[in-house]
Every structure is written in C-alpha cells, then in structure tokens.
Amino acid sequence: MNAVGQPGNLTDRFVARFIDGIIVGVAVLILNFVLAAISNSWLLTGFISAIATAALYLGYFTYLESSRGQTIGKQVMKLKVVGPDHASNPTLEQAARRNLFTAFGVAGVVPIVGSLLGGLAELAAVILIAVNINSDPQRQHWFDKFAGGTQVIKIG
C-alpha cells in the first residue's frame, strides 16, 4: 500500500526544518544558559553542551518521525515521513539514520576546533541533502536512502 501524496519539495522541507530548528534551538539556548550559569569551567560546559545539543536535535527528529511520522514543522507544512514500505512511519532506527547529520555537532566535544568541524560537517550534509532532493525524482536524499528508503511526502 502506498501513502497518499507527492514527494515533499525542497522549499516545504526547508521551511519545516527551519521551524523545527527554532523549536529545538530555543531549548538548546535555555540549556546552554543554565549550563553557563552553574559551571565555572568553559571546557566542561562546552563538552556537556555539545553532547546535549546533539542529543536534543537527534532525539527530537528521531522520536517524532518514528512515533508520529511528523515533527511540528512537518505538521505545519503538511509533510509526513514514511518508512520504506511507504505506508507506515519509519522505525526508530530508520528515523535516527535519516537524521544522523543533526548530531554532527557532537564534534564540539573537541575543544576549540570541534565546533567548527562539526558545523562544517552539518553544512556539507545540508548542501548535499538539498542537491539530492532537487535531483532525485522521489525527492529522497542520501540519508533517506541510508535509512532504507524513507521518504517525505506532502499530505495536504
């Protein structure tokens, strides 16, 4: 059985990801503010912040896509992630695989250069994702294929 809907386009997916980025970003900002307020060590704060930030981003997308097929941003943009069968939500593992790039920021545990390297890795992943989405007829990016063939579809 195939899910109803056309593959989600780059613009809708970008807006959905932007909305989700704001939501998770606010949580990360609050977390980092609290960490900075209670810690005297910028090194320890940076270490904990890098791990917690990566976990928050990866956890948000993985949990919501596997349990509901949609993040809040995808709900707003009427998008849904389906598993390789194109009928059900992705499994927890498939959702984690398709969003693995959101955790590249964990490289920030390496003092001074880690955040830069993690940020560059995430930027490279996003550029490759955009190129893949625009060039693939099913609008699947490399991480969708890595997840076994998940797909984002427009449902409204």
N, C-alpha and C. Protein backbone atom coordinates (compact mmCIF):
# COMPACT_ATOMS: atom_id res chain seq x y z
N MET A 1 0.84 -1.19 0.00
CA MET A 1 0.00 0.00 0.00
C MET A 1 0.88 1.24 0.00
N ASN A 2 0.64 2.17 -0.88
CA ASN A 2 1.42 3.41 -0.95
C ASN A 2 0.72 4.53 -0.20
N ALA A 3 1.50 5.37 0.43
CA ALA A 3 0.95 6.53 1.12
C ALA A 3 0.44 7.52 0.08
N VAL A 4 -0.60 8.24 0.44
CA VAL A 4 -1.16 9.24 -0.46
C VAL A 4 -0.28 10.48 -0.40
N GLY A 5 0.01 11.05 -1.54
CA GLY A 5 0.77 12.29 -1.57
C GLY A 5 1.96 12.22 -2.49
N GLN A 6 2.38 13.39 -2.90
CA GLN A 6 3.55 13.54 -3.76
C GLN A 6 4.78 13.73 -2.88
N PRO A 7 5.95 13.46 -3.41
CA PRO A 7 7.17 13.74 -2.63
C PRO A 7 7.25 15.21 -2.22
N GLY A 8 7.67 15.45 -0.98
CA GLY A 8 7.79 16.81 -0.48
C GLY A 8 8.88 17.57 -1.21
N ASN A 9 8.58 18.82 -1.56
CA ASN A 9 9.58 19.61 -2.31
C ASN A 9 10.57 20.28 -1.35
N LEU A 10 11.64 20.77 -1.91
CA LEU A 10 12.73 21.35 -1.13
C LEU A 10 12.27 22.54 -0.30
N THR A 11 11.45 23.41 -0.86
CA THR A 11 11.01 24.60 -0.13
C THR A 11 10.19 24.23 1.10
N ASP A 12 9.22 23.34 0.94
CA ASP A 12 8.40 22.93 2.09
C ASP A 12 9.25 22.25 3.16
N ARG A 13 10.17 21.43 2.72
CA ARG A 13 11.03 20.73 3.66
C ARG A 13 11.97 21.69 4.37
N PHE A 14 12.47 22.69 3.66
CA PHE A 14 13.33 23.70 4.28
C PHE A 14 12.57 24.47 5.35
N VAL A 15 11.35 24.91 5.02
CA VAL A 15 10.55 25.68 5.99
C VAL A 15 10.24 24.82 7.22
N ALA A 16 9.89 23.56 6.99
CA ALA A 16 9.61 22.65 8.11
C ALA A 16 10.85 22.51 9.00
N ARG A 17 12.00 22.31 8.39
CA ARG A 17 13.25 22.14 9.14
C ARG A 17 13.60 23.44 9.87
N PHE A 18 13.32 24.58 9.26
CA PHE A 18 13.57 25.88 9.90
C PHE A 18 12.71 26.03 11.16
N ILE A 19 11.42 25.69 11.04
CA ILE A 19 10.51 25.76 12.20
C ILE A 19 11.01 24.85 13.32
N ASP A 20 11.36 23.62 12.95
CA ASP A 20 11.87 22.68 13.95
C ASP A 20 13.19 23.17 14.55
N GLY A 21 14.03 23.79 13.73
CA GLY A 21 15.29 24.33 14.22
C GLY A 21 15.08 25.41 15.26
N ILE A 22 14.07 26.23 15.06
CA ILE A 22 13.75 27.27 16.05
C ILE A 22 13.29 26.63 17.36
N ILE A 23 12.42 25.62 17.26
CA ILE A 23 11.91 24.96 18.46
C ILE A 23 13.04 24.32 19.26
N VAL A 24 13.86 23.53 18.61
CA VAL A 24 14.96 22.87 19.31
C VAL A 24 16.01 23.89 19.72
N GLY A 25 16.24 24.89 18.88
CA GLY A 25 17.21 25.93 19.19
C GLY A 25 16.89 26.69 20.47
N VAL A 26 15.61 26.95 20.73
CA VAL A 26 15.22 27.62 21.97
C VAL A 26 15.55 26.73 23.17
N ALA A 27 15.27 25.43 23.05
CA ALA A 27 15.60 24.51 24.13
C ALA A 27 17.11 24.46 24.36
N VAL A 28 17.88 24.45 23.29
CA VAL A 28 19.35 24.43 23.39
C VAL A 28 19.85 25.72 24.02
N LEU A 29 19.27 26.85 23.63
CA LEU A 29 19.67 28.14 24.19
C LEU A 29 19.44 28.17 25.71
N ILE A 30 18.28 27.70 26.14
CA ILE A 30 17.97 27.65 27.57
C ILE A 30 18.95 26.73 28.29
N LEU A 31 19.19 25.56 27.72
CA LEU A 31 20.12 24.61 28.31
C LEU A 31 21.51 25.22 28.45
N ASN A 32 21.99 25.86 27.39
CA ASN A 32 23.32 26.46 27.43
C ASN A 32 23.40 27.60 28.43
N PHE A 33 22.33 28.36 28.57
CA PHE A 33 22.30 29.44 29.55
C PHE A 33 22.42 28.86 30.96
N VAL A 34 21.65 27.81 31.22
CA VAL A 34 21.70 27.17 32.55
C VAL A 34 23.08 26.57 32.80
N LEU A 35 23.64 25.87 31.80
CA LEU A 35 24.98 25.29 31.96
C LEU A 35 26.02 26.37 32.26
N ALA A 36 25.95 27.47 31.55
CA ALA A 36 26.92 28.55 31.76
C ALA A 36 26.76 29.16 33.15
N ALA A 37 25.53 29.21 33.63
CA ALA A 37 25.27 29.81 34.94
C ALA A 37 25.75 28.93 36.09
N ILE A 38 25.75 27.63 35.91
CA ILE A 38 26.10 26.74 37.03
C ILE A 38 27.52 26.19 36.96
N SER A 39 28.21 26.42 35.86
CA SER A 39 29.56 25.86 35.71
C SER A 39 30.62 26.95 35.69
N ASN A 40 31.72 26.67 36.31
CA ASN A 40 32.86 27.59 36.29
C ASN A 40 33.85 27.24 35.20
N SER A 41 33.64 26.12 34.53
CA SER A 41 34.59 25.62 33.55
C SER A 41 34.01 25.73 32.13
N TRP A 42 34.62 26.55 31.30
CA TRP A 42 34.13 26.67 29.92
C TRP A 42 34.36 25.37 29.17
N LEU A 43 35.38 24.62 29.55
CA LEU A 43 35.68 23.35 28.90
C LEU A 43 34.59 22.31 29.20
N LEU A 44 34.23 22.19 30.46
CA LEU A 44 33.18 21.26 30.86
C LEU A 44 31.83 21.68 30.27
N THR A 45 31.55 22.97 30.32
CA THR A 45 30.31 23.48 29.76
C THR A 45 30.22 23.17 28.26
N GLY A 46 31.30 23.40 27.54
CA GLY A 46 31.33 23.12 26.11
C GLY A 46 31.14 21.64 25.82
N PHE A 47 31.78 20.79 26.62
CA PHE A 47 31.66 19.35 26.45
C PHE A 47 30.22 18.88 26.65
N ILE A 48 29.63 19.27 27.76
CA ILE A 48 28.25 18.86 28.06
C ILE A 48 27.29 19.46 27.04
N SER A 49 27.52 20.71 26.68
CA SER A 49 26.66 21.38 25.71
C SER A 49 26.67 20.67 24.35
N ALA A 50 27.85 20.28 23.88
CA ALA A 50 27.96 19.60 22.58
C ALA A 50 27.18 18.29 22.58
N ILE A 51 27.34 17.51 23.63
CA ILE A 51 26.64 16.23 23.72
C ILE A 51 25.13 16.44 23.85
N ALA A 52 24.73 17.33 24.74
CA ALA A 52 23.31 17.56 24.97
C ALA A 52 22.62 18.15 23.73
N THR A 53 23.30 19.07 23.05
CA THR A 53 22.73 19.68 21.84
C THR A 53 22.54 18.64 20.75
N ALA A 54 23.54 17.81 20.52
CA ALA A 54 23.42 16.75 19.52
C ALA A 54 22.30 15.80 19.89
N ALA A 55 22.20 15.44 21.17
CA ALA A 55 21.15 14.53 21.62
C ALA A 55 19.76 15.15 21.46
N LEU A 56 19.63 16.44 21.76
CA LEU A 56 18.33 17.11 21.61
C LEU A 56 17.88 17.14 20.15
N TYR A 57 18.76 17.54 19.25
CA TYR A 57 18.39 17.60 17.83
C TYR A 57 18.06 16.21 17.29
N LEU A 58 18.95 15.26 17.52
CA LEU A 58 18.72 13.91 17.00
C LEU A 58 17.49 13.29 17.65
N GLY A 59 17.35 13.46 18.95
CA GLY A 59 16.20 12.91 19.67
C GLY A 59 14.87 13.48 19.21
N TYR A 60 14.81 14.78 19.01
CA TYR A 60 13.58 15.45 18.56
C TYR A 60 13.10 14.86 17.24
N PHE A 61 13.98 14.86 16.24
CA PHE A 61 13.58 14.38 14.92
C PHE A 61 13.32 12.88 14.92
N THR A 62 14.17 12.12 15.60
CA THR A 62 14.02 10.66 15.62
C THR A 62 12.72 10.25 16.30
N TYR A 63 12.47 10.79 17.48
CA TYR A 63 11.27 10.40 18.23
C TYR A 63 9.99 10.78 17.48
N LEU A 64 9.90 12.04 17.06
CA LEU A 64 8.65 12.48 16.43
C LEU A 64 8.40 11.82 15.08
N GLU A 65 9.45 11.62 14.29
CA GLU A 65 9.25 10.98 12.99
C GLU A 65 8.91 9.50 13.14
N SER A 66 9.49 8.82 14.12
CA SER A 66 9.19 7.39 14.29
C SER A 66 7.84 7.17 14.96
N SER A 67 7.44 8.05 15.86
CA SER A 67 6.18 7.85 16.58
C SER A 67 4.97 8.44 15.86
N ARG A 68 5.17 9.57 15.17
CA ARG A 68 4.05 10.25 14.52
C ARG A 68 4.23 10.45 13.03
N GLY A 69 5.44 10.26 12.55
CA GLY A 69 5.72 10.49 11.14
C GLY A 69 5.92 11.97 10.83
N GLN A 70 5.80 12.81 11.83
CA GLN A 70 5.88 14.25 11.63
C GLN A 70 6.49 14.95 12.83
N THR A 71 7.33 15.92 12.54
CA THR A 71 7.76 16.87 13.56
C THR A 71 6.74 18.01 13.54
N ILE A 72 6.89 18.95 14.42
CA ILE A 72 5.96 20.10 14.44
C ILE A 72 6.08 20.88 13.13
N GLY A 73 7.30 21.09 12.66
CA GLY A 73 7.49 21.80 11.39
C GLY A 73 6.85 21.07 10.23
N LYS A 74 6.97 19.76 10.21
CA LYS A 74 6.34 18.98 9.13
C LYS A 74 4.82 19.04 9.22
N GLN A 75 4.28 19.06 10.43
CA GLN A 75 2.82 19.21 10.58
C GLN A 75 2.37 20.53 9.98
N VAL A 76 3.07 21.60 10.31
CA VAL A 76 2.71 22.92 9.79
C VAL A 76 2.76 22.94 8.26
N MET A 77 3.76 22.29 7.69
CA MET A 77 3.95 22.29 6.24
C MET A 77 3.23 21.14 5.54
N LYS A 78 2.46 20.36 6.30
CA LYS A 78 1.68 19.23 5.77
C LYS A 78 2.58 18.19 5.07
N LEU A 79 3.66 17.84 5.77
CA LEU A 79 4.59 16.84 5.30
C LEU A 79 4.58 15.67 6.27
N LYS A 80 4.91 14.50 5.78
CA LYS A 80 4.97 13.31 6.61
C LYS A 80 6.10 12.43 6.12
N VAL A 81 6.83 11.83 7.07
CA VAL A 81 7.88 10.88 6.73
C VAL A 81 7.27 9.49 6.77
N VAL A 82 7.50 8.73 5.71
CA VAL A 82 7.03 7.34 5.68
C VAL A 82 8.23 6.41 5.57
N GLY A 83 8.04 5.22 6.08
CA GLY A 83 9.08 4.21 6.02
C GLY A 83 9.25 3.67 4.62
N PRO A 84 10.17 2.74 4.44
CA PRO A 84 10.42 2.16 3.11
C PRO A 84 9.20 1.50 2.47
N ASP A 85 8.23 1.08 3.31
CA ASP A 85 7.01 0.48 2.75
C ASP A 85 6.04 1.53 2.22
N HIS A 86 6.35 2.80 2.45
CA HIS A 86 5.55 3.95 2.00
C HIS A 86 4.15 3.98 2.59
N ALA A 87 3.94 3.25 3.69
CA ALA A 87 2.62 3.22 4.31
C ALA A 87 2.67 3.52 5.81
N SER A 88 3.78 3.21 6.47
CA SER A 88 3.86 3.40 7.92
C SER A 88 4.98 4.39 8.25
N ASN A 89 4.98 4.79 9.51
CA ASN A 89 6.06 5.66 9.99
C ASN A 89 7.38 4.89 9.92
N PRO A 90 8.49 5.61 9.80
CA PRO A 90 9.79 4.93 9.88
C PRO A 90 9.97 4.34 11.28
N THR A 91 10.77 3.31 11.37
CA THR A 91 11.10 2.77 12.69
C THR A 91 12.02 3.77 13.40
N LEU A 92 12.26 3.52 14.67
CA LEU A 92 13.16 4.37 15.43
C LEU A 92 14.55 4.39 14.78
N GLU A 93 15.03 3.23 14.37
CA GLU A 93 16.35 3.16 13.73
C GLU A 93 16.36 3.90 12.40
N GLN A 94 15.32 3.74 11.59
CA GLN A 94 15.26 4.43 10.30
C GLN A 94 15.21 5.94 10.50
N ALA A 95 14.43 6.39 11.47
CA ALA A 95 14.34 7.83 11.74
C ALA A 95 15.69 8.37 12.23
N ALA A 96 16.38 7.59 13.06
CA ALA A 96 17.71 8.02 13.54
C ALA A 96 18.69 8.09 12.39
N ARG A 97 18.66 7.12 11.49
CA ARG A 97 19.58 7.12 10.36
C ARG A 97 19.33 8.30 9.43
N ARG A 98 18.07 8.63 9.18
CA ARG A 98 17.78 9.71 8.24
C ARG A 98 18.10 11.08 8.83
N ASN A 99 18.24 11.15 10.15
CA ASN A 99 18.54 12.42 10.81
C ASN A 99 19.91 12.43 11.48
N LEU A 100 20.74 11.47 11.16
CA LEU A 100 22.05 11.35 11.80
C LEU A 100 22.89 12.62 11.68
N PHE A 101 22.76 13.32 10.57
CA PHE A 101 23.57 14.53 10.36
C PHE A 101 23.31 15.60 11.40
N THR A 102 22.15 15.56 12.06
CA THR A 102 21.85 16.57 13.08
C THR A 102 22.74 16.42 14.31
N ALA A 103 23.39 15.27 14.44
CA ALA A 103 24.25 15.03 15.59
C ALA A 103 25.73 15.29 15.31
N PHE A 104 26.06 15.77 14.11
CA PHE A 104 27.47 16.04 13.79
C PHE A 104 28.07 17.09 14.71
N GLY A 105 27.22 17.89 15.31
CA GLY A 105 27.69 18.91 16.24
C GLY A 105 28.35 18.34 17.49
N VAL A 106 28.20 17.03 17.70
CA VAL A 106 28.85 16.40 18.85
C VAL A 106 30.37 16.53 18.75
N ALA A 107 30.87 16.83 17.58
CA ALA A 107 32.31 17.08 17.41
C ALA A 107 32.76 18.23 18.29
N GLY A 108 31.82 19.03 18.77
CA GLY A 108 32.13 20.15 19.65
C GLY A 108 32.76 19.73 20.97
N VAL A 109 32.78 18.42 21.26
CA VAL A 109 33.45 17.97 22.48
C VAL A 109 34.95 18.17 22.38
N VAL A 110 35.46 18.32 21.17
CA VAL A 110 36.87 18.62 20.97
C VAL A 110 37.06 20.13 21.15
N PRO A 111 37.82 20.52 22.14
CA PRO A 111 37.96 21.96 22.40
C PRO A 111 38.46 22.75 21.19
N ILE A 112 37.98 23.95 21.07
CA ILE A 112 38.37 24.98 20.10
C ILE A 112 37.96 24.64 18.67
N VAL A 113 38.47 23.58 18.06
CA VAL A 113 38.18 23.30 16.65
C VAL A 113 36.98 22.40 16.43
N GLY A 114 36.53 21.69 17.46
CA GLY A 114 35.44 20.73 17.32
C GLY A 114 34.16 21.34 16.82
N SER A 115 33.77 22.46 17.39
CA SER A 115 32.52 23.11 16.96
C SER A 115 32.59 23.54 15.51
N LEU A 116 33.73 24.05 15.10
CA LEU A 116 33.91 24.45 13.71
C LEU A 116 33.80 23.24 12.78
N LEU A 117 34.49 22.16 13.13
CA LEU A 117 34.45 20.95 12.30
C LEU A 117 33.04 20.35 12.25
N GLY A 118 32.38 20.30 13.39
CA GLY A 118 31.01 19.78 13.43
C GLY A 118 30.06 20.65 12.61
N GLY A 119 30.21 21.95 12.74
CA GLY A 119 29.38 22.87 11.96
C GLY A 119 29.61 22.74 10.47
N LEU A 120 30.86 22.58 10.07
CA LEU A 120 31.17 22.40 8.65
C LEU A 120 30.63 21.07 8.13
N ALA A 121 30.68 20.03 8.96
CA ALA A 121 30.13 18.73 8.56
C ALA A 121 28.62 18.82 8.37
N GLU A 122 27.94 19.52 9.29
CA GLU A 122 26.49 19.70 9.16
C GLU A 122 26.16 20.52 7.92
N LEU A 123 26.91 21.57 7.67
CA LEU A 123 26.68 22.41 6.48
C LEU A 123 26.86 21.59 5.20
N ALA A 124 27.92 20.80 5.15
CA ALA A 124 28.15 19.95 3.98
C ALA A 124 27.00 18.97 3.79
N ALA A 125 26.52 18.39 4.89
CA ALA A 125 25.40 17.44 4.82
C ALA A 125 24.15 18.13 4.28
N VAL A 126 23.86 19.32 4.77
CA VAL A 126 22.67 20.06 4.34
C VAL A 126 22.76 20.41 2.85
N ILE A 127 23.92 20.82 2.39
CA ILE A 127 24.10 21.14 0.97
C ILE A 127 23.88 19.88 0.12
N LEU A 128 24.48 18.76 0.54
CA LEU A 128 24.29 17.51 -0.20
C LEU A 128 22.84 17.06 -0.18
N ILE A 129 22.16 17.25 0.93
CA ILE A 129 20.75 16.89 1.03
C ILE A 129 19.94 17.72 0.04
N ALA A 130 20.17 19.03 0.01
CA ALA A 130 19.44 19.90 -0.91
C ALA A 130 19.68 19.50 -2.36
N VAL A 131 20.92 19.21 -2.71
CA VAL A 131 21.25 18.79 -4.07
C VAL A 131 20.54 17.48 -4.41
N ASN A 132 20.58 16.52 -3.46
CA ASN A 132 19.91 15.23 -3.68
C ASN A 132 18.41 15.38 -3.84
N ILE A 133 17.79 16.20 -3.00
CA ILE A 133 16.34 16.38 -3.07
C ILE A 133 15.95 16.97 -4.42
N ASN A 134 16.71 17.94 -4.89
CA ASN A 134 16.38 18.56 -6.17
C ASN A 134 16.66 17.68 -7.37
N SER A 135 17.58 16.73 -7.25
CA SER A 135 17.95 15.93 -8.42
C SER A 135 17.28 14.55 -8.45
N ASP A 136 16.70 14.12 -7.36
CA ASP A 136 16.08 12.80 -7.29
C ASP A 136 14.58 12.91 -7.58
N PRO A 137 14.02 12.09 -8.48
CA PRO A 137 12.59 12.17 -8.80
C PRO A 137 11.68 11.90 -7.59
N GLN A 138 12.15 11.07 -6.65
CA GLN A 138 11.36 10.78 -5.44
C GLN A 138 11.68 11.73 -4.29
N ARG A 139 12.55 12.71 -4.56
CA ARG A 139 12.96 13.72 -3.59
C ARG A 139 13.56 13.09 -2.33
N GLN A 140 14.30 11.99 -2.52
CA GLN A 140 14.98 11.35 -1.41
C GLN A 140 16.44 11.80 -1.38
N HIS A 141 16.91 12.10 -0.19
CA HIS A 141 18.32 12.46 -0.07
C HIS A 141 19.12 11.24 0.39
N TRP A 142 20.43 11.42 0.47
CA TRP A 142 21.30 10.31 0.81
C TRP A 142 20.90 9.66 2.13
N PHE A 143 20.51 10.46 3.13
CA PHE A 143 20.15 9.92 4.43
C PHE A 143 18.84 9.14 4.38
N ASP A 144 17.92 9.51 3.49
CA ASP A 144 16.70 8.70 3.28
C ASP A 144 17.09 7.32 2.75
N LYS A 145 18.02 7.31 1.83
CA LYS A 145 18.48 6.03 1.26
C LYS A 145 19.25 5.23 2.30
N PHE A 146 20.07 5.89 3.11
CA PHE A 146 20.80 5.26 4.20
C PHE A 146 19.83 4.64 5.21
N ALA A 147 18.66 5.22 5.34
CA ALA A 147 17.64 4.72 6.27
C ALA A 147 16.78 3.62 5.65
N GLY A 148 17.14 3.18 4.47
CA GLY A 148 16.42 2.07 3.85
C GLY A 148 15.38 2.48 2.84
N GLY A 149 15.25 3.77 2.60
CA GLY A 149 14.30 4.26 1.59
C GLY A 149 13.13 5.04 2.18
N THR A 150 13.36 5.72 3.31
CA THR A 150 12.32 6.58 3.84
C THR A 150 12.03 7.70 2.86
N GLN A 151 10.87 8.32 3.00
CA GLN A 151 10.51 9.39 2.06
C GLN A 151 9.63 10.41 2.77
N VAL A 152 9.80 11.66 2.40
CA VAL A 152 8.94 12.74 2.89
C VAL A 152 7.91 13.01 1.82
N ILE A 153 6.63 12.96 2.23
CA ILE A 153 5.54 13.20 1.27
C ILE A 153 4.69 14.37 1.73
N LYS A 154 4.06 15.03 0.77
CA LYS A 154 3.11 16.12 1.04
C LYS A 154 1.75 15.46 1.24
N ILE A 155 1.09 15.75 2.35
CA ILE A 155 -0.17 15.08 2.65
C ILE A 155 -1.38 16.01 2.57
N GLY A 156 -1.16 17.26 2.28
CA GLY A 156 -2.29 18.17 2.26
C GLY A 156 -2.34 19.05 1.06
